[in-house]
């Protein structure tokens, strides 16, 4: 009688071919852990702050800024519940080949591009605004800035939007990233004359050449290609799955307290971002507000930022002289932090992290400074340059994303210097 050899580990079944079915991973994604209890004190404070600030902005500055603040609150809630990441998505793709985060980007970009084409193509705007595309110039500043920004993301632990919702949810180390962001953006504005003359060419916006329908069709086609390539990479490298976050059972409770599917987060962010365009006439942006906040602080300390060339550009002097609560990007940024605080407290995840290792603190501050400088050089961040640029049919958005991937590779090499880990193929989750 013969005995069959003992069975070895059974490889997980490969996902069937297809563009929209789940891609294979080295193991099944673990079940999401249960939600911790509500955090009543942070919830009460953040909810009161949200209501009070909305009432103040609406009564002092009018309906348009008030609506922008509400949109920011919604963006913060959606970012936190879906844990929508740019930094982690690029890190997982470059380190182990898990492209699920990048495919979520594609859904966000494609949906936003569709809404932008409808809004800008038809000239539809609220409060008397005329919506316009976000097209950045092409040149050395774009390349250098996007690379620096991506390195900073990996050191600081978050992108521009990620920094805001992480700060709102109580992640203390990311507060240092935000401080660095403000320092870097202010330094870049102060030294604008040093980098203003870098070689650059005029923006290339597809709608100027092939119309809005043609621009939309090309954008969607390229995004589908990105999805296909990311799936091929993931099938070949068979990476660990992405780790789950605490969630709740039941649709209603999950919507208020648990984690949202990434696709739901992408759709919500696209709709809210389109709302910013409808209300303000400009695409959703983040980082210009950091330069404004830093410059306001410099002025309060006795400096004269109004004499900097950066603030003498058309429209900039009015921004510096006006209230922060009348600035579009400042309103949405503040709203994101407060909205994320509300969502994190509801989900029981709001907590202050103490005893931050000094290397982590240094990396956070340095990463923020690099992102602040990089965002000014490149004319935007992962939101203002990458998302809004691609959704507007601008070549600059695609170039920003490509060079940010290259910068991500450099950032991953630098992370171990600060004892920051990177995903590895043998990990259980990435």
Foldseek 3Di string as FASTA:
>chain_A
DDDDDDDDDDFDDADDDDLPDDGFARDDADDAAAFDAFQVVLQVVLVVVLVVVLVCLCVPPHDLLSVLLVLLLLLLLLCQQQVLADLVQLQCCVFQLQNPSVLLLLLLLLLLLVLCLVCQVVQFAPPPAGADAQFFWDADLQLLLLLLLLLLCLLQVGFQLRLLLCVLLAEALSVLLLVLLLVQLQVCQQVVVVQVPGDIGGWDFVCVPVNSVVLSVVLNVVSSVVSVVSSVSCNVRNFAAAHHYHADPDDVLRSQAHHDHSNVSSNSNSVSQSVLCRSPSYGAAARVLSNLVSVLVCVVVPDDSCPGPSCVPPPNVCVNPDDLSNDSNSSSSVSSSSSSSNRSSSSVRRDHDPDDPVLSSVSSSSSSSSNNNSQVSSVGICGSQQSSCSSRRIPSNVSSVVSSSVSNVVSQVCQVVSPHDGGHRPDNHD
